[in-house]
C-alpha atoms as a PDB file:
ATOM      1  CA  MET A   1      31.098  16.286  22.501  1.00  0.00           C
ATOM      2  CA  ARG A   2      31.368  13.266  24.779  1.00  0.00           C
ATOM      3  CA  LEU A   3      29.396  10.089  23.968  1.00  0.00           C
ATOM      4  CA  LEU A   4      27.838   8.164  26.825  1.00  0.00           C
ATOM      5  CA  TRP A   5      26.853   4.518  26.561  1.00  0.00           C
ATOM      6  CA  SER A   6      23.400   3.751  27.951  1.00  0.00           C
ATOM      7  CA  ARG A   7      21.243   0.681  28.209  1.00  0.00           C
ATOM      8  CA  ALA A   8      17.576   0.967  29.093  1.00  0.00           C
ATOM      9  CA  PRO A   9      15.891  -2.145  30.512  1.00  0.00           C
ATOM     10  CA  GLY A  10      14.465  -4.234  27.673  1.00  0.00           C
ATOM     11  CA  LEU A  11      15.911  -2.017  24.919  1.00  0.00           C
ATOM     12  CA  PRO A  12      19.004  -2.399  22.765  1.00  0.00           C
ATOM     13  CA  SER A  13      22.067  -0.351  23.580  1.00  0.00           C
ATOM     14  CA  LEU A  14      21.822   3.201  22.306  1.00  0.00           C
ATOM     15  CA  TRP A  15      24.190   6.105  21.918  1.00  0.00           C
ATOM     16  CA  ARG A  16      23.254   9.085  24.039  1.00  0.00           C
ATOM     17  CA  PHE A  17      24.412  12.614  23.338  1.00  0.00           C
ATOM     18  CA  PRO A  18      24.195  14.880  26.370  1.00  0.00           C
ATOM     19  CA  SER A  19      22.370  18.160  25.891  1.00  0.00           C
ATOM     20  CA  ALA A  20      21.862  21.313  27.892  1.00  0.00           C
ATOM     21  CA  ARG A  21      18.506  19.982  29.045  1.00  0.00           C
ATOM     22  CA  ALA A  22      18.286  17.432  31.799  1.00  0.00           C
ATOM     23  CA  GLY A  23      18.502  13.876  30.520  1.00  0.00           C
ATOM     24  CA  GLY A  24      19.949  14.686  27.093  1.00  0.00           C
ATOM     25  CA  ASN A  25      18.678  13.714  23.672  1.00  0.00           C
ATOM     26  CA  ARG A  26      18.676  10.084  22.664  1.00  0.00           C
ATOM     27  CA  ILE A  27      20.100   9.503  19.206  1.00  0.00           C
ATOM     28  CA  GLU A  28      20.032   5.986  17.816  1.00  0.00           C
ATOM     29  CA  THR A  29      22.806   4.694  15.614  1.00  0.00           C
ATOM     30  CA  PRO A  30      21.811   3.289  12.197  1.00  0.00           C
ATOM     31  CA  LEU A  31      22.466  -0.244  13.447  1.00  0.00           C
ATOM     32  CA  HIS A  32      19.985   0.179  16.264  1.00  0.00           C
ATOM     33  CA  THR A  33      17.386   2.357  14.579  1.00  0.00           C
ATOM     34  CA  ARG A  34      13.859   1.010  14.524  1.00  0.00           C
ATOM     35  CA  ASN A  35      11.047   3.053  13.040  1.00  0.00           C
ATOM     36  CA  THR A  36       8.743   3.581  15.973  1.00  0.00           C
ATOM     37  CA  SER A  37       7.153   6.777  14.683  1.00  0.00           C
ATOM     38  CA  ARG A  38       3.394   6.660  14.553  1.00  0.00           C
ATOM     39  CA  PRO A  39       2.093   9.173  12.017  1.00  0.00           C
ATOM     40  CA  ALA A  40      -1.367  10.527  12.739  1.00  0.00           C
ATOM     41  CA  GLY A  41      -4.303  12.142  10.983  1.00  0.00           C
ATOM     42  CA  LEU A  42      -6.802  11.436   8.225  1.00  0.00           C
ATOM     43  CA  ALA A  43      -4.067  10.698   5.684  1.00  0.00           C
ATOM     44  CA  VAL A  44      -2.753   7.909   7.921  1.00  0.00           C
ATOM     45  CA  TRP A  45      -6.175   6.268   8.132  1.00  0.00           C
ATOM     46  CA  ILE A  46      -6.436   6.394   4.351  1.00  0.00           C
ATOM     47  CA  ALA A  47      -2.832   5.312   3.673  1.00  0.00           C
ATOM     48  CA  THR A  48      -3.105   2.334   6.035  1.00  0.00           C
ATOM     49  CA  PHE A  49      -6.692   1.679   4.903  1.00  0.00           C
ATOM     50  CA  PHE A  50      -8.149   2.100   8.373  1.00  0.00           C
ATOM     51  CA  GLY A  51      -5.291   0.299  10.109  1.00  0.00           C
ATOM     52  CA  VAL A  52      -4.928  -2.721   7.804  1.00  0.00           C
ATOM     53  CA  GLY A  53      -1.368  -1.575   7.041  1.00  0.00           C
ATOM     54  CA  TYR A  54      -0.389  -2.237  10.649  1.00  0.00           C
ATOM     55  CA  CYS A  55      -0.907  -5.978  10.062  1.00  0.00           C
ATOM     56  CA  PRO A  56       2.320  -7.554  11.391  1.00  0.00           C
ATOM     57  CA  VAL A  57       2.523 -10.192   8.647  1.00  0.00           C
ATOM     58  CA  ALA A  58       2.293  -9.451   4.896  1.00  0.00           C
ATOM     59  CA  PRO A  59       0.598  -6.030   5.090  1.00  0.00           C
ATOM     60  CA  GLY A  60       0.552  -5.809   1.266  1.00  0.00           C
ATOM     61  CA  THR A  61      -1.444  -9.010   0.992  1.00  0.00           C
ATOM     62  CA  ALA A  62      -3.708  -7.816   3.810  1.00  0.00           C
ATOM     63  CA  GLY A  63      -4.254  -4.583   1.863  1.00  0.00           C
ATOM     64  CA  ALA A  64      -5.145  -6.515  -1.290  1.00  0.00           C
ATOM     65  CA  ALA A  65      -7.563  -8.653   0.746  1.00  0.00           C
ATOM     66  CA  ALA A  66      -9.123  -5.448   2.096  1.00  0.00           C
ATOM     67  CA  GLY A  67      -9.490  -4.440  -1.551  1.00  0.00           C
ATOM     68  CA  LEU A  68     -11.601  -7.559  -2.072  1.00  0.00           C
ATOM     69  CA  VAL A  69     -13.878  -6.494   0.781  1.00  0.00           C
ATOM     70  CA  LEU A  70     -14.214  -3.030  -0.755  1.00  0.00           C
ATOM     71  CA  TYR A  71     -14.877  -4.647  -4.138  1.00  0.00           C
ATOM     72  CA  ALA A  72     -17.766  -6.602  -2.609  1.00  0.00           C
ATOM     73  CA  ALA A  73     -19.248  -3.301  -1.418  1.00  0.00           C
ATOM     74  CA  LEU A  74     -18.676  -1.429  -4.706  1.00  0.00           C
ATOM     75  CA  SER A  75     -19.304  -4.119  -7.323  1.00  0.00           C
ATOM     76  CA  GLY A  76     -23.006  -3.253  -7.492  1.00  0.00           C
ATOM     77  CA  LEU A  77     -22.171   0.163  -8.951  1.00  0.00           C
ATOM     78  CA  SER A  78     -22.532   0.857 -12.649  1.00  0.00           C
ATOM     79  CA  PRO A  79     -19.289   0.172 -14.564  1.00  0.00           C
ATOM     80  CA  MET A  80     -18.554   3.882 -15.101  1.00  0.00           C
ATOM     81  CA  LEU A  81     -19.233   4.781 -11.461  1.00  0.00           C
ATOM     82  CA  TYR A  82     -17.000   1.892 -10.344  1.00  0.00           C
ATOM     83  CA  LEU A  83     -14.227   3.153 -12.648  1.00  0.00           C
ATOM     84  CA  LEU A  84     -14.606   6.739 -11.379  1.00  0.00           C
ATOM     85  CA  THR A  85     -14.450   5.452  -7.787  1.00  0.00           C
ATOM     86  CA  CYS A  86     -11.205   3.613  -8.596  1.00  0.00           C
ATOM     87  CA  VAL A  87      -9.700   6.756 -10.165  1.00  0.00           C
ATOM     88  CA  ALA A  88     -10.744   8.870  -7.167  1.00  0.00           C
ATOM     89  CA  LEU A  89      -9.202   6.286  -4.822  1.00  0.00           C
ATOM     90  CA  VAL A  90      -5.924   6.454  -6.754  1.00  0.00           C
ATOM     91  CA  PHE A  91      -5.705  10.243  -6.371  1.00  0.00           C
ATOM     92  CA  LEU A  92      -6.727  10.040  -2.712  1.00  0.00           C
ATOM     93  CA  GLY A  93      -4.121   7.318  -2.211  1.00  0.00           C
ATOM     94  CA  ILE A  94      -1.365   9.428  -3.781  1.00  0.00           C
ATOM     95  CA  TRP A  95      -2.161  12.296  -1.406  1.00  0.00           C
ATOM     96  CA  ALA A  96      -2.368  10.003   1.642  1.00  0.00           C
ATOM     97  CA  ALA A  97       0.853   8.130   0.763  1.00  0.00           C
ATOM     98  CA  GLU A  98       2.680  11.434   0.294  1.00  0.00           C
ATOM     99  CA  GLU A  99       1.512  12.712   3.675  1.00  0.00           C
ATOM    100  CA  PHE A 100       2.236   9.421   5.462  1.00  0.00           C
ATOM    101  CA  SER A 101       5.740   9.311   3.944  1.00  0.00           C
ATOM    102  CA  ARG A 102       6.358  12.888   5.032  1.00  0.00           C
ATOM    103  CA  GLN A 103       5.332  12.113   8.610  1.00  0.00           C
ATOM    104  CA  SER A 104       7.175   8.792   8.876  1.00  0.00           C
ATOM    105  CA  GLY A 105      10.278   9.872   6.969  1.00  0.00           C
ATOM    106  CA  ILE A 106      10.172   6.646   4.910  1.00  0.00           C
ATOM    107  CA  HIS A 107       9.409   6.881   1.179  1.00  0.00           C
ATOM    108  CA  ASP A 108       7.528   3.607   0.626  1.00  0.00           C
ATOM    109  CA  ASP A 109       6.619   2.644   4.176  1.00  0.00           C
ATOM    110  CA  GLY A 110       5.294  -0.922   4.375  1.00  0.00           C
ATOM    111  CA  ARG A 111       2.340   0.307   6.417  1.00  0.00           C
ATOM    112  CA  ILE A 112       0.980   2.130   3.357  1.00  0.00           C
ATOM    113  CA  VAL A 113      -1.506  -0.266   1.749  1.00  0.00           C
ATOM    114  CA  ILE A 114      -3.906   2.084  -0.047  1.00  0.00           C
ATOM    115  CA  ASP A 115      -1.871   1.358  -3.185  1.00  0.00           C
ATOM    116  CA  GLU A 116      -2.679  -2.363  -2.883  1.00  0.00           C
ATOM    117  CA  VAL A 117      -6.354  -1.578  -2.265  1.00  0.00           C
ATOM    118  CA  ALA A 118      -6.548   0.646  -5.371  1.00  0.00           C
ATOM    119  CA  GLY A 119      -4.584  -1.831  -7.511  1.00  0.00           C
ATOM    120  CA  GLN A 120      -6.797  -4.705  -6.401  1.00  0.00           C
ATOM    121  CA  LEU A 121      -9.968  -2.767  -7.245  1.00  0.00           C
ATOM    122  CA  LEU A 122      -8.587  -1.935 -10.694  1.00  0.00           C
ATOM    123  CA  SER A 123      -7.635  -5.555 -11.332  1.00  0.00           C
ATOM    124  CA  LEU A 124     -11.278  -6.585 -10.817  1.00  0.00           C
ATOM    125  CA  LEU A 125     -12.660  -3.899 -13.144  1.00  0.00           C
ATOM    126  CA  PRO A 126     -13.342  -6.351 -16.039  1.00  0.00           C
ATOM    127  CA  LEU A 127     -15.710  -8.348 -13.824  1.00  0.00           C
ATOM    128  CA  VAL A 128     -17.865  -5.248 -13.377  1.00  0.00           C
ATOM    129  CA  PHE A 129     -17.791  -4.374 -17.097  1.00  0.00           C
ATOM    130  CA  LEU A 130     -18.509  -7.966 -18.184  1.00  0.00           C
ATOM    131  CA  ASN A 131     -21.188  -8.378 -15.503  1.00  0.00           C
ATOM    132  CA  ARG A 132     -19.306 -11.270 -13.887  1.00  0.00           C
ATOM    133  CA  ARG A 133     -19.201  -9.497 -10.497  1.00  0.00           C
ATOM    134  CA  GLY A 134     -20.190 -12.428  -8.324  1.00  0.00           C
ATOM    135  CA  SER A 135     -17.963 -15.108  -9.873  1.00  0.00           C
ATOM    136  CA  ILE A 136     -15.865 -16.286  -6.913  1.00  0.00           C
ATOM    137  CA  PRO A 137     -13.343 -18.184  -9.108  1.00  0.00           C
ATOM    138  CA  LEU A 138     -12.758 -15.045 -11.198  1.00  0.00           C
ATOM    139  CA  VAL A 139     -12.443 -12.824  -8.114  1.00  0.00           C
ATOM    140  CA  VAL A 140      -9.876 -15.208  -6.636  1.00  0.00           C
ATOM    141  CA  THR A 141      -8.052 -15.294  -9.985  1.00  0.00           C
ATOM    142  CA  GLY A 142      -7.989 -11.482 -10.010  1.00  0.00           C
ATOM    143  CA  PHE A 143      -6.584 -11.452  -6.477  1.00  0.00           C
ATOM    144  CA  VAL A 144      -3.816 -13.911  -7.375  1.00  0.00           C
ATOM    145  CA  LEU A 145      -2.966 -12.139 -10.649  1.00  0.00           C
ATOM    146  CA  PHE A 146      -2.672  -8.795  -8.901  1.00  0.00           C
ATOM    147  CA  ARG A 147      -0.506 -10.116  -6.062  1.00  0.00           C
ATOM    148  CA  VAL A 148       1.823 -11.932  -8.475  1.00  0.00           C
ATOM    149  CA  LEU A 149       2.265  -8.829 -10.640  1.00  0.00           C
ATOM    150  CA  ASP A 150       2.594  -6.549  -7.614  1.00  0.00           C
ATOM    151  CA  VAL A 151       5.357  -8.682  -6.097  1.00  0.00           C
ATOM    152  CA  TRP A 152       7.075  -9.608  -9.377  1.00  0.00           C
ATOM    153  CA  LYS A 153       6.917  -6.041 -10.765  1.00  0.00           C
ATOM    154  CA  PRO A 154       7.468  -6.697 -14.471  1.00  0.00           C
ATOM    155  CA  GLY A 155       9.374  -4.057 -16.489  1.00  0.00           C
ATOM    156  CA  PRO A 156       7.149  -0.956 -16.573  1.00  0.00           C
ATOM    157  CA  VAL A 157       5.819  -1.579 -13.055  1.00  0.00           C
ATOM    158  CA  ARG A 158       9.347  -1.623 -11.612  1.00  0.00           C
ATOM    159  CA  TRP A 159      10.265   1.432 -13.702  1.00  0.00           C
ATOM    160  CA  LEU A 160       7.393   3.424 -12.161  1.00  0.00           C
ATOM    161  CA  GLU A 161       8.389   2.302  -8.670  1.00  0.00           C
ATOM    162  CA  ARG A 162      11.990   3.460  -9.196  1.00  0.00           C
ATOM    163  CA  ASN A 163      11.411   6.649 -11.178  1.00  0.00           C
ATOM    164  CA  LEU A 164       8.380   8.350  -9.644  1.00  0.00           C
ATOM    165  CA  SER A 165       8.792  10.214  -6.392  1.00  0.00           C
ATOM    166  CA  GLY A 166       6.449  11.063  -3.550  1.00  0.00           C
ATOM    167  CA  GLY A 167       3.006   9.559  -3.240  1.00  0.00           C
ATOM    168  CA  ALA A 168       2.858   8.816  -6.978  1.00  0.00           C
ATOM    169  CA  GLY A 169       5.966   6.647  -6.613  1.00  0.00           C
ATOM    170  CA  VAL A 170       4.253   4.654  -3.883  1.00  0.00           C
ATOM    171  CA  VAL A 171       0.893   4.207  -5.605  1.00  0.00           C
ATOM    172  CA  MET A 172       1.362   4.163  -9.383  1.00  0.00           C
ATOM    173  CA  ASP A 173       3.374   0.939  -9.622  1.00  0.00           C
ATOM    174  CA  ASP A 174       0.510  -0.909  -7.917  1.00  0.00           C
ATOM    175  CA  VAL A 175      -1.978   0.835 -10.186  1.00  0.00           C
ATOM    176  CA  LEU A 176      -0.078  -0.392 -13.255  1.00  0.00           C
ATOM    177  CA  ALA A 177       0.143  -3.893 -11.762  1.00  0.00           C
ATOM    178  CA  GLY A 178      -3.640  -3.686 -11.316  1.00  0.00           C
ATOM    179  CA  VAL A 179      -4.105  -2.616 -14.947  1.00  0.00           C
ATOM    180  CA  PHE A 180      -1.968  -5.546 -16.157  1.00  0.00           C
ATOM    181  CA  ALA A 181      -3.907  -7.924 -13.909  1.00  0.00           C
ATOM    182  CA  ALA A 182      -7.178  -6.469 -15.239  1.00  0.00           C
ATOM    183  CA  ALA A 183      -6.072  -7.124 -18.833  1.00  0.00           C
ATOM    184  CA  ALA A 184      -5.234 -10.742 -18.020  1.00  0.00           C
ATOM    185  CA  LEU A 185      -8.413 -11.226 -15.963  1.00  0.00           C
ATOM    186  CA  GLY A 186     -10.524  -9.656 -18.709  1.00  0.00           C
ATOM    187  CA  ALA A 187      -9.133 -12.126 -21.252  1.00  0.00           C
ATOM    188  CA  ILE A 188      -9.792 -15.036 -18.879  1.00  0.00           C
ATOM    189  CA  ALA A 189     -13.317 -13.846 -18.054  1.00  0.00           C
ATOM    190  CA  TRP A 190     -14.115 -13.266 -21.756  1.00  0.00           C
ATOM    191  CA  LYS A 191     -12.864 -16.730 -22.720  1.00  0.00           C
ATOM    192  CA  TRP A 192     -14.718 -18.318 -19.805  1.00  0.00           C
ATOM    193  CA  GLN A 193     -17.935 -16.568 -20.837  1.00  0.00           C
ATOM    194  CA  ALA A 194     -17.671 -17.736 -24.465  1.00  0.00           C
END
């Protein structure tokens, strides 16, 4: 099969393999590959949290910030209903991340931020249980704790990220980071209340 060199205006050089059809099929080499696929459907809206994941700078932080907005809407729920909502969001996130990964062909696509949203909500769980929902300093502390643990990925968090596959592998490390952040935030909120 003969390789032809082609250069489209404004695009990097690409390898082109001729095919029986007119124009041939464009195949990009690994050095020139850019993920331009745009998955579609309900799972994509959930996985990207209604498009937040398409933020061009720090989509994970944008997802966690979107989690704060969702927290503001849900913090008035009873503690048990808030917890059940978080659990439901985790399972929904696993399904959506799995579907998004299948469509995009990338296991932990950076556009998937539902894991950050769910982890952020879980990290703020103590504020709902301790009735400290509206404490801005504690909410900000919960945000910072979650982001630090999500980026740092201490021991078990990194293990989950590396050893779980599919949507669970995308979501559960952030969930565990959220649980660790919740434990730390709960201790801080309890001490602050005393």
